């Protein structure tokens, strides 16, 4: 599995491939989607960061839209019947980058409440339901999110804001000189 940032100008054919996946989704899923035409969807993609997940071919697009200070909305489009373990591996790698390199405070996703497959993958990535929901016609959307604190707790990160001992820096400097 490989990950690669996609650029609308150079990778339009890959975006078109992903759009074809969307057209092949079940009727009920297509009904939920307010984007009906490739150009409409592609215009949105030009304003987002997109990461492609590849095996021997593109299997998923993961897009991020900034939504405030270090907060991102994430969306996943994938080929039907995708290998969920490969997708999960890609998503966990991307999540690591978003929190550790981008410095995200929070990542959230709006998911149709009946889309159990995507909800289970989101939960496997550490996302939790935060109680926010919205009803659009007969479709209920729920919000799932993961914060930087949740991510750090999951990985048992310890990042002290001040030295454990007042003289820790001096002791470390003295110890490293002796080595």
C-alpha atoms as a PDB file:
ATOM      1  CA  UNK A   1       0.000   0.000   0.000  1.00  0.00           C
ATOM      2  CA  UNK A   2       1.221   3.491  -0.908  1.00  0.00           C
ATOM      3  CA  UNK A   3      -0.038   6.951  -0.025  1.00  0.00           C
ATOM      4  CA  UNK A   4       0.381   9.986  -2.251  1.00  0.00           C
ATOM      5  CA  UNK A   5      -0.900  13.542  -2.135  1.00  0.00           C
ATOM      6  CA  UNK A   6      -2.962  14.194  -5.259  1.00  0.00           C
ATOM      7  CA  UNK A   7      -3.093  17.473  -7.144  1.00  0.00           C
ATOM      8  CA  UNK A   8      -6.200  18.375  -9.183  1.00  0.00           C
ATOM      9  CA  UNK A   9      -4.197  19.748 -12.105  1.00  0.00           C
ATOM     10  CA  UNK A  10      -1.971  16.726 -12.559  1.00  0.00           C
ATOM     11  CA  UNK A  11      -4.185  13.937 -11.260  1.00  0.00           C
ATOM     12  CA  UNK A  12      -7.602  14.740 -12.736  1.00  0.00           C
ATOM     13  CA  UNK A  13      -7.854  11.221 -14.184  1.00  0.00           C
ATOM     14  CA  UNK A  14      -7.602   9.771 -10.645  1.00  0.00           C
ATOM     15  CA  UNK A  15     -10.321  12.130  -9.433  1.00  0.00           C
ATOM     16  CA  UNK A  16     -12.488  10.993 -12.361  1.00  0.00           C
ATOM     17  CA  UNK A  17     -11.884   7.382 -11.337  1.00  0.00           C
ATOM     18  CA  UNK A  18     -13.004   8.208  -7.796  1.00  0.00           C
ATOM     19  CA  UNK A  19     -16.091   9.950  -9.179  1.00  0.00           C
ATOM     20  CA  UNK A  20     -16.988   6.732 -11.022  1.00  0.00           C
ATOM     21  CA  UNK A  21     -16.894   4.913  -7.656  1.00  0.00           C
ATOM     22  CA  UNK A  22     -19.425   7.386  -6.337  1.00  0.00           C
ATOM     23  CA  UNK A  23     -21.682   6.712  -9.327  1.00  0.00           C
ATOM     24  CA  UNK A  24     -21.517   2.982  -8.562  1.00  0.00           C
ATOM     25  CA  UNK A  25     -22.532   3.360  -4.904  1.00  0.00           C
ATOM     26  CA  UNK A  26     -25.943   1.935  -3.973  1.00  0.00           C
ATOM     27  CA  UNK A  27     -28.950   4.112  -4.840  1.00  0.00           C
ATOM     28  CA  UNK A  28     -29.594   4.921  -1.180  1.00  0.00           C
ATOM     29  CA  UNK A  29     -26.026   6.195  -0.699  1.00  0.00           C
ATOM     30  CA  UNK A  30     -26.213   8.279  -3.905  1.00  0.00           C
ATOM     31  CA  UNK A  31     -29.478   9.744  -2.646  1.00  0.00           C
ATOM     32  CA  UNK A  32     -27.672  11.084   0.452  1.00  0.00           C
ATOM     33  CA  UNK A  33     -25.080  12.892  -1.645  1.00  0.00           C
ATOM     34  CA  UNK A  34     -25.857  16.493  -2.569  1.00  0.00           C
ATOM     35  CA  UNK A  35     -23.102  16.516  -5.222  1.00  0.00           C
ATOM     36  CA  UNK A  36     -24.608  15.323  -8.495  1.00  0.00           C
ATOM     37  CA  UNK A  37     -21.982  16.226 -11.117  1.00  0.00           C
ATOM     38  CA  UNK A  38     -18.248  15.641 -11.444  1.00  0.00           C
ATOM     39  CA  UNK A  39     -17.414  19.324 -12.051  1.00  0.00           C
ATOM     40  CA  UNK A  40     -19.295  20.326  -8.870  1.00  0.00           C
ATOM     41  CA  UNK A  41     -17.424  17.698  -6.819  1.00  0.00           C
ATOM     42  CA  UNK A  42     -14.068  18.443  -8.512  1.00  0.00           C
ATOM     43  CA  UNK A  43     -14.424  22.146  -7.660  1.00  0.00           C
ATOM     44  CA  UNK A  44     -14.659  21.136  -3.980  1.00  0.00           C
ATOM     45  CA  UNK A  45     -11.631  18.861  -4.295  1.00  0.00           C
ATOM     46  CA  UNK A  46      -9.535  21.785  -5.563  1.00  0.00           C
ATOM     47  CA  UNK A  47     -10.006  23.466  -2.171  1.00  0.00           C
ATOM     48  CA  UNK A  48      -9.013  20.416  -0.112  1.00  0.00           C
ATOM     49  CA  UNK A  49      -5.928  18.361   0.592  1.00  0.00           C
ATOM     50  CA  UNK A  50      -6.360  14.930  -0.994  1.00  0.00           C
ATOM     51  CA  UNK A  51      -4.369  11.796  -0.255  1.00  0.00           C
ATOM     52  CA  UNK A  52      -4.675   8.797  -2.549  1.00  0.00           C
ATOM     53  CA  UNK A  53      -4.467   5.285  -1.111  1.00  0.00           C
ATOM     54  CA  UNK A  54      -2.973   2.872  -3.651  1.00  0.00           C
ATOM     55  CA  UNK A  55      -2.358  -0.850  -3.868  1.00  0.00           C
ATOM     56  CA  UNK A  56      -1.560  -1.685  -7.491  1.00  0.00           C
ATOM     57  CA  UNK A  57      -4.204   0.964  -8.297  1.00  0.00           C
ATOM     58  CA  UNK A  58      -6.098   3.769  -6.540  1.00  0.00           C
ATOM     59  CA  UNK A  59      -8.503   2.353  -3.912  1.00  0.00           C
ATOM     60  CA  UNK A  60      -9.435   5.445  -1.880  1.00  0.00           C
ATOM     61  CA  UNK A  61      -9.337   9.226  -1.728  1.00  0.00           C
ATOM     62  CA  UNK A  62      -9.038  10.814   1.703  1.00  0.00           C
ATOM     63  CA  UNK A  63      -9.757  14.539   1.665  1.00  0.00           C
ATOM     64  CA  UNK A  64      -9.260  17.155   4.343  1.00  0.00           C
ATOM     65  CA  UNK A  65     -10.935  20.546   4.575  1.00  0.00           C
ATOM     66  CA  UNK A  66      -9.568  23.032   7.112  1.00  0.00           C
ATOM     67  CA  UNK A  67     -12.344  24.103   9.474  1.00  0.00           C
ATOM     68  CA  UNK A  68     -10.762  26.558  11.869  1.00  0.00           C
ATOM     69  CA  UNK A  69      -7.515  26.597  13.798  1.00  0.00           C
ATOM     70  CA  UNK A  70      -5.900  23.178  13.353  1.00  0.00           C
ATOM     71  CA  UNK A  71      -9.310  21.487  12.918  1.00  0.00           C
ATOM     72  CA  UNK A  72     -10.030  19.420   9.814  1.00  0.00           C
ATOM     73  CA  UNK A  73     -13.081  17.788   8.307  1.00  0.00           C
ATOM     74  CA  UNK A  74     -12.214  14.465   6.681  1.00  0.00           C
ATOM     75  CA  UNK A  75     -14.051  12.605   3.930  1.00  0.00           C
ATOM     76  CA  UNK A  76     -13.286   9.177   2.460  1.00  0.00           C
ATOM     77  CA  UNK A  77     -14.307   7.948  -0.990  1.00  0.00           C
ATOM     78  CA  UNK A  78     -13.356   4.392  -1.837  1.00  0.00           C
ATOM     79  CA  UNK A  79     -13.939   1.707  -4.385  1.00  0.00           C
ATOM     80  CA  UNK A  80     -16.829  -0.621  -3.497  1.00  0.00           C
ATOM     81  CA  UNK A  81     -15.863  -3.773  -1.652  1.00  0.00           C
ATOM     82  CA  UNK A  82     -12.498  -2.280  -0.747  1.00  0.00           C
ATOM     83  CA  UNK A  83     -10.220  -4.430   1.388  1.00  0.00           C
ATOM     84  CA  UNK A  84     -11.079  -2.853   4.726  1.00  0.00           C
ATOM     85  CA  UNK A  85      -7.752  -3.834   6.316  1.00  0.00           C
ATOM     86  CA  UNK A  86      -5.768  -2.114   3.584  1.00  0.00           C
ATOM     87  CA  UNK A  87      -8.013   0.953   3.832  1.00  0.00           C
ATOM     88  CA  UNK A  88      -7.682   0.985   7.622  1.00  0.00           C
ATOM     89  CA  UNK A  89      -3.885   0.734   7.391  1.00  0.00           C
ATOM     90  CA  UNK A  90      -3.843   3.702   5.018  1.00  0.00           C
ATOM     91  CA  UNK A  91      -6.186   5.745   7.199  1.00  0.00           C
ATOM     92  CA  UNK A  92      -4.136   5.070  10.343  1.00  0.00           C
ATOM     93  CA  UNK A  93      -0.966   6.182   8.540  1.00  0.00           C
ATOM     94  CA  UNK A  94      -2.675   9.354   7.350  1.00  0.00           C
ATOM     95  CA  UNK A  95      -4.037   9.993  10.860  1.00  0.00           C
ATOM     96  CA  UNK A  96      -0.491   9.817  12.261  1.00  0.00           C
ATOM     97  CA  UNK A  97       0.661  12.456   9.765  1.00  0.00           C
ATOM     98  CA  UNK A  98      -2.296  14.747  10.461  1.00  0.00           C
ATOM     99  CA  UNK A  99      -1.711  14.770  14.227  1.00  0.00           C
ATOM    100  CA  UNK A 100       2.074  14.486  14.424  1.00  0.00           C
ATOM    101  CA  UNK A 101       3.171  16.573  11.434  1.00  0.00           C
ATOM    102  CA  UNK A 102       0.263  18.929  10.735  1.00  0.00           C
ATOM    103  CA  UNK A 103      -0.375  19.494  14.456  1.00  0.00           C
ATOM    104  CA  UNK A 104      -4.136  19.005  14.176  1.00  0.00           C
ATOM    105  CA  UNK A 105      -6.160  19.601  17.344  1.00  0.00           C
ATOM    106  CA  UNK A 106      -9.206  17.754  15.996  1.00  0.00           C
ATOM    107  CA  UNK A 107     -10.400  15.828  12.949  1.00  0.00           C
ATOM    108  CA  UNK A 108     -14.112  15.219  12.416  1.00  0.00           C
ATOM    109  CA  UNK A 109     -16.391  13.533   9.901  1.00  0.00           C
ATOM    110  CA  UNK A 110     -20.091  13.797   9.151  1.00  0.00           C
ATOM    111  CA  UNK A 111     -21.432  10.316   8.428  1.00  0.00           C
ATOM    112  CA  UNK A 112     -24.919   9.098   7.562  1.00  0.00           C
ATOM    113  CA  UNK A 113     -26.109   7.284  10.684  1.00  0.00           C
ATOM    114  CA  UNK A 114     -27.038   4.148   8.696  1.00  0.00           C
ATOM    115  CA  UNK A 115     -23.646   3.863   7.009  1.00  0.00           C
ATOM    116  CA  UNK A 116     -22.418   1.193   9.431  1.00  0.00           C
ATOM    117  CA  UNK A 117     -19.376   0.205   7.351  1.00  0.00           C
ATOM    118  CA  UNK A 118     -17.847   3.688   7.381  1.00  0.00           C
ATOM    119  CA  UNK A 119     -18.805   4.200  11.032  1.00  0.00           C
ATOM    120  CA  UNK A 120     -16.980   1.010  12.019  1.00  0.00           C
ATOM    121  CA  UNK A 121     -13.853   2.066  10.106  1.00  0.00           C
ATOM    122  CA  UNK A 122     -13.993   5.546  11.676  1.00  0.00           C
ATOM    123  CA  UNK A 123     -14.296   3.985  15.133  1.00  0.00           C
ATOM    124  CA  UNK A 124     -11.353   1.671  14.366  1.00  0.00           C
ATOM    125  CA  UNK A 125      -9.370   4.860  13.606  1.00  0.00           C
ATOM    126  CA  UNK A 126     -10.197   6.202  17.074  1.00  0.00           C
ATOM    127  CA  UNK A 127     -13.119   8.462  16.133  1.00  0.00           C
ATOM    128  CA  UNK A 128     -15.959   8.668  18.640  1.00  0.00           C
ATOM    129  CA  UNK A 129     -19.484   9.988  18.355  1.00  0.00           C
ATOM    130  CA  UNK A 130     -19.652  13.417  19.921  1.00  0.00           C
ATOM    131  CA  UNK A 131     -23.440  13.739  20.141  1.00  0.00           C
ATOM    132  CA  UNK A 132     -23.804  16.246  17.299  1.00  0.00           C
ATOM    133  CA  UNK A 133     -26.279  15.219  14.626  1.00  0.00           C
ATOM    134  CA  UNK A 134     -28.321  16.807  11.881  1.00  0.00           C
ATOM    135  CA  UNK A 135     -31.462  15.693  10.096  1.00  0.00           C
ATOM    136  CA  UNK A 136     -31.621  16.483   6.373  1.00  0.00           C
ATOM    137  CA  UNK A 137     -34.948  15.234   5.031  1.00  0.00           C
ATOM    138  CA  UNK A 138     -35.158  11.614   6.069  1.00  0.00           C
ATOM    139  CA  UNK A 139     -31.390  11.278   6.414  1.00  0.00           C
ATOM    140  CA  UNK A 140     -29.727  11.588   9.822  1.00  0.00           C
ATOM    141  CA  UNK A 141     -26.078  12.641   9.875  1.00  0.00           C
ATOM    142  CA  UNK A 142     -23.901  12.060  12.924  1.00  0.00           C
ATOM    143  CA  UNK A 143     -20.561  13.595  13.715  1.00  0.00           C
ATOM    144  CA  UNK A 144     -17.590  11.528  14.788  1.00  0.00           C
ATOM    145  CA  UNK A 145     -14.309  13.066  15.840  1.00  0.00           C
ATOM    146  CA  UNK A 146     -10.889  12.422  17.277  1.00  0.00           C
ATOM    147  CA  UNK A 147      -8.885  15.038  19.129  1.00  0.00           C
ATOM    148  CA  UNK A 148      -5.151  15.364  19.512  1.00  0.00           C
ATOM    149  CA  UNK A 149      -5.525  14.454  23.200  1.00  0.00           C
ATOM    150  CA  UNK A 150      -7.408  11.255  22.310  1.00  0.00           C
ATOM    151  CA  UNK A 151      -4.734  10.408  19.743  1.00  0.00           C
ATOM    152  CA  UNK A 152      -1.940  10.977  22.257  1.00  0.00           C
ATOM    153  CA  UNK A 153      -3.740   8.967  24.948  1.00  0.00           C
ATOM    154  CA  UNK A 154      -4.210   6.108  22.505  1.00  0.00           C
ATOM    155  CA  UNK A 155      -0.459   6.044  21.899  1.00  0.00           C
ATOM    156  CA  UNK A 156       0.470   6.748  25.522  1.00  0.00           C
ATOM    157  CA  UNK A 157       2.424   9.803  24.510  1.00  0.00           C
ATOM    158  CA  UNK A 158       4.025  11.712  27.308  1.00  0.00           C
ATOM    159  CA  UNK A 159       4.861  15.267  26.395  1.00  0.00           C
ATOM    160  CA  UNK A 160       5.666  17.222  29.549  1.00  0.00           C
ATOM    161  CA  UNK A 161       5.166  20.955  29.326  1.00  0.00           C
ATOM    162  CA  UNK A 162       7.968  21.516  31.820  1.00  0.00           C
ATOM    163  CA  UNK A 163      10.892  19.384  32.925  1.00  0.00           C
ATOM    164  CA  UNK A 164      10.071  16.626  35.402  1.00  0.00           C
ATOM    165  CA  UNK A 165      12.867  17.892  37.624  1.00  0.00           C
ATOM    166  CA  UNK A 166      13.890  21.522  37.800  1.00  0.00           C
ATOM    167  CA  UNK A 167      17.471  20.619  37.038  1.00  0.00           C
ATOM    168  CA  UNK A 168      16.695  17.975  34.390  1.00  0.00           C
ATOM    169  CA  UNK A 169      18.157  19.934  31.495  1.00  0.00           C
ATOM    170  CA  UNK A 170      21.387  20.628  33.387  1.00  0.00           C
ATOM    171  CA  UNK A 171      21.682  16.967  34.495  1.00  0.00           C
ATOM    172  CA  UNK A 172      21.075  15.773  30.923  1.00  0.00           C
ATOM    173  CA  UNK A 173      23.701  18.161  29.537  1.00  0.00           C
ATOM    174  CA  UNK A 174      26.241  17.029  32.151  1.00  0.00           C
ATOM    175  CA  UNK A 175      25.465  13.344  31.483  1.00  0.00           C
ATOM    176  CA  UNK A 176      25.751  13.699  27.691  1.00  0.00           C
ATOM    177  CA  UNK A 177      29.161  15.450  28.036  1.00  0.00           C
ATOM    178  CA  UNK A 178      30.468  12.531  30.102  1.00  0.00           C
ATOM    179  CA  UNK A 179      29.431  10.020  27.434  1.00  0.00           C
END
